[in-house]
Protein backbone atom coordinates (compact mmCIF):
# COMPACT_ATOMS: atom_id res chain seq x y z
CA UNK A 1 6.26 -3.35 46.65
CA UNK A 2 7.57 -4.49 43.30
CA UNK A 3 6.17 -7.81 42.13
CA UNK A 4 7.75 -10.14 39.61
CA UNK A 5 5.51 -12.61 37.86
CA UNK A 6 6.94 -16.00 37.00
CA UNK A 7 5.41 -18.35 34.50
CA UNK A 8 5.14 -21.97 35.37
CA UNK A 9 4.83 -24.49 32.56
CA UNK A 10 4.26 -28.23 32.37
CA UNK A 11 2.44 -28.39 35.66
CA UNK A 12 0.06 -31.27 36.16
CA UNK A 13 -2.58 -31.92 38.77
CA UNK A 14 -0.93 -33.08 41.99
CA UNK A 15 2.27 -31.04 41.53
CA UNK A 16 3.35 -28.91 44.50
CA UNK A 17 4.77 -25.42 44.14
CA UNK A 18 6.26 -23.02 46.70
CA UNK A 19 6.77 -19.28 46.46
CA UNK A 20 9.40 -17.03 48.02
CA UNK A 21 8.79 -13.29 48.31
CA UNK A 22 11.62 -10.85 47.77
CA UNK A 23 11.75 -7.08 47.95
CA UNK A 24 14.58 -4.74 46.88
CA UNK A 25 16.79 -3.86 49.88
CA UNK A 26 14.88 -6.17 52.21
CA UNK A 27 15.89 -9.50 53.66
CA UNK A 28 13.14 -12.07 53.42
CA UNK A 29 13.45 -15.56 54.80
CA UNK A 30 11.39 -18.66 54.33
CA UNK A 31 9.04 -19.89 51.67
CA UNK A 32 5.30 -20.23 51.47
CA UNK A 33 3.60 -23.43 52.40
CA UNK A 34 3.38 -25.80 49.43
CA UNK A 35 0.36 -25.34 47.21
CA UNK A 36 -0.95 -28.40 45.37
CA UNK A 37 -2.08 -27.83 41.82
CA UNK A 38 -5.70 -28.98 41.68
CA UNK A 39 -6.17 -28.79 37.92
CA UNK A 40 -4.40 -27.60 34.82
CA UNK A 41 -5.44 -26.69 31.33
CA UNK A 42 -5.64 -29.80 29.20
CA UNK A 43 -4.98 -29.68 25.45
CA UNK A 44 -7.99 -30.00 23.19
CA UNK A 45 -8.55 -33.15 21.14
CA UNK A 46 -7.26 -33.24 17.56
CA UNK A 47 -9.92 -32.00 15.11
CA UNK A 48 -12.33 -34.69 13.95
CA UNK A 49 -14.07 -34.91 10.57
CA UNK A 50 -11.83 -32.45 8.71
CA UNK A 51 -13.48 -31.15 5.55
CA UNK A 52 -12.73 -28.70 2.73
CA UNK A 53 -15.16 -26.40 0.95
CA UNK A 54 -15.34 -23.71 -1.70
CA UNK A 55 -15.45 -20.11 -0.47
CA UNK A 56 -19.19 -20.29 0.30
CA UNK A 57 -18.42 -22.79 3.08
CA UNK A 58 -21.09 -25.25 1.91
CA UNK A 59 -19.92 -26.69 -1.44
CA UNK A 60 -17.58 -29.55 -0.59
CA UNK A 61 -14.33 -30.16 -2.41
CA UNK A 62 -13.66 -33.89 -2.73
CA UNK A 63 -10.31 -35.32 -1.65
CA UNK A 64 -8.02 -34.61 -4.62
CA UNK A 65 -10.72 -32.37 -6.16
CA UNK A 66 -10.55 -28.99 -7.88
CA UNK A 67 -11.87 -25.54 -7.12
CA UNK A 68 -11.93 -22.55 -9.48
CA UNK A 69 -11.59 -20.14 -6.55
CA UNK A 70 -8.47 -18.88 -4.77
CA UNK A 71 -10.21 -19.07 -1.38
CA UNK A 72 -11.24 -22.22 0.49
CA UNK A 73 -12.97 -22.84 3.81
CA UNK A 74 -11.50 -25.65 5.93
CA UNK A 75 -13.51 -27.14 8.81
CA UNK A 76 -13.13 -29.60 11.66
CA UNK A 77 -15.02 -30.66 14.77
CA UNK A 78 -13.15 -29.32 17.83
CA UNK A 79 -13.57 -30.19 21.50
CA UNK A 80 -11.72 -29.64 24.76
CA UNK A 81 -11.91 -31.67 27.97
CA UNK A 82 -11.78 -28.49 30.08
CA UNK A 83 -15.15 -27.00 30.99
CA UNK A 84 -15.87 -23.53 29.59
CA UNK A 85 -12.90 -23.44 27.18
CA UNK A 86 -13.40 -21.93 23.76
CA UNK A 87 -11.58 -23.63 20.91
CA UNK A 88 -10.50 -22.58 17.42
CA UNK A 89 -9.20 -24.42 14.37
CA UNK A 90 -5.69 -23.57 13.21
CA UNK A 91 -4.47 -24.83 9.83
CA UNK A 92 -1.30 -25.05 7.80
CA UNK A 93 -1.79 -25.12 4.02
CA UNK A 94 1.19 -25.81 1.76
CA UNK A 95 1.72 -26.61 -1.92
CA UNK A 96 2.20 -30.34 -2.48
CA UNK A 97 5.92 -31.09 -2.19
CA UNK A 98 6.41 -28.46 0.53
CA UNK A 99 6.86 -29.97 3.98
CA UNK A 100 4.78 -28.82 6.91
CA UNK A 101 6.92 -26.81 9.32
CA UNK A 102 4.45 -25.07 11.64
CA UNK A 103 4.71 -21.68 9.88
CA UNK A 104 2.25 -19.51 7.97
CA UNK A 105 -0.60 -20.75 10.14
CA UNK A 106 -4.15 -19.50 9.63
CA UNK A 107 -6.66 -19.49 12.51
CA UNK A 108 -10.41 -19.25 12.66
CA UNK A 109 -12.53 -17.68 15.37
CA UNK A 110 -12.99 -19.25 18.78
CA UNK A 111 -16.16 -21.34 19.10
CA UNK A 112 -17.94 -22.90 22.04
CA UNK A 113 -16.90 -26.40 22.96
CA UNK A 114 -17.77 -28.73 21.24
CA UNK A 115 -18.46 -27.26 17.78
CA UNK A 116 -17.50 -27.35 14.16
CA UNK A 117 -14.86 -24.64 13.63
CA UNK A 118 -13.82 -23.15 10.31
CA UNK A 119 -10.92 -21.27 8.80
CA UNK A 120 -10.99 -19.24 5.59
CA UNK A 121 -7.75 -19.47 3.59
CA UNK A 122 -7.30 -17.01 0.73
CA UNK A 123 -4.58 -16.02 -1.67
CA UNK A 124 -4.16 -19.50 -3.14
CA UNK A 125 -2.50 -19.77 -6.58
CA UNK A 126 -3.88 -21.03 -9.88
CA UNK A 127 -2.50 -24.37 -11.02
CA UNK A 128 -1.21 -25.39 -7.59
CA UNK A 129 -2.18 -28.52 -5.67
CA UNK A 130 -2.33 -28.10 -1.90
CA UNK A 131 -2.24 -30.33 1.15
CA UNK A 132 -3.24 -29.24 4.63
CA UNK A 133 -3.38 -30.15 8.28
CA UNK A 134 -5.23 -28.72 11.25
CA UNK A 135 -5.14 -28.63 15.02
CA UNK A 136 -7.40 -27.34 17.77
CA UNK A 137 -6.18 -24.54 20.05
CA UNK A 138 -8.02 -23.50 23.23
CA UNK A 139 -8.35 -20.01 24.65
CA UNK A 140 -5.53 -20.74 27.11
CA UNK A 141 -3.12 -21.53 24.25
CA UNK A 142 -3.00 -25.34 24.59
CA UNK A 143 -2.92 -27.09 21.23
CA UNK A 144 -3.85 -30.58 20.08
CA UNK A 145 -1.77 -32.82 17.88
CA UNK A 146 -1.87 -32.03 14.18
CA UNK A 147 -4.42 -33.89 12.05
CA UNK A 148 -3.72 -34.23 8.32
CA UNK A 149 -6.67 -33.98 5.96
CA UNK A 150 -7.81 -36.98 3.94
CA UNK A 151 -6.75 -40.57 3.52
CA UNK A 152 -4.43 -39.65 0.66
CA UNK A 153 -0.63 -39.47 0.93
CA UNK A 154 0.94 -36.09 1.76
CA UNK A 155 2.59 -36.22 -1.69
CA UNK A 156 -0.88 -36.05 -3.32
CA UNK A 157 -3.00 -32.88 -3.46
CA UNK A 158 -5.94 -32.56 -1.09
CA UNK A 159 -7.30 -29.97 -3.53
CA UNK A 160 -6.06 -28.08 -6.58
CA UNK A 161 -6.86 -24.52 -7.62
CA UNK A 162 -7.76 -24.16 -11.31
CA UNK A 163 -9.03 -20.70 -12.20
CA UNK A 164 -8.54 -21.01 -15.97
CA UNK A 165 -11.76 -20.69 -17.93
CA UNK A 166 -12.51 -23.69 -20.06
CA UNK A 167 -12.39 -23.20 -23.80
CA UNK A 168 -14.76 -24.79 -26.29
CA UNK A 169 -13.62 -25.61 -29.73
CA UNK A 170 -16.23 -26.45 -32.32
CA UNK A 171 -15.80 -27.57 -35.84
CA UNK A 172 -18.34 -27.99 -38.55
CA UNK A 173 -18.31 -30.44 -41.38
CA UNK A 174 -20.27 -30.29 -44.57
CA UNK A 175 -23.00 -32.82 -45.02
CA UNK A 176 -22.20 -35.56 -47.53
CA UNK A 177 -23.23 -34.76 -51.11
C-alpha cells in the first residue's frame, strides 16, 4: 500500500485525533477510534545568563565593551522541560541600527539539558558595534522566546569590534638651559 504522512502541528496534551486510511482504487469507510495525545514537545525556556566572550571563549567582553578580534563566542544557559531533549543556542547578531528580523541566524551544537551552550560568530567587521539576541532550540525544533543580551537599549552596542592597532606618538623636549 501507499502511505501518506501528514504532519500535525499545535497539538497539546488532551487533544484527540482520528485517522482515516485510503488506498488508490479502493473504497475505505470509517475512521479510527480517537487517540488522545498524552504529551507533546514543549518549547525550551529562553536562555538565561547570556554572556559574550572573545574568541577563546573565556575572556569576557563587558556590556558595551570592545574586542580586537572579528570572532566572538556567545553563551547562555539553556534548559527544556521535556526529559531527554538536547538543546542548542541560536543567535542573531546585527550591527547597531539594524533591526532583528530572524535571519542570518547562527547555531551552536546541541548540549545535554540543562547546560551552558555556546555559539561562535565570526566574520565581524572592524569599527562596527553589534547587538545580539539568543533563543534556545530543542532537538525536536521547538524554540523559546528570544532573549536580548544586556540591560542596555537595542540602539546601543553590546560590543564593538576594533581591530586597529594603537599608535604611540612620542615627543622629546630639550632640558632647560
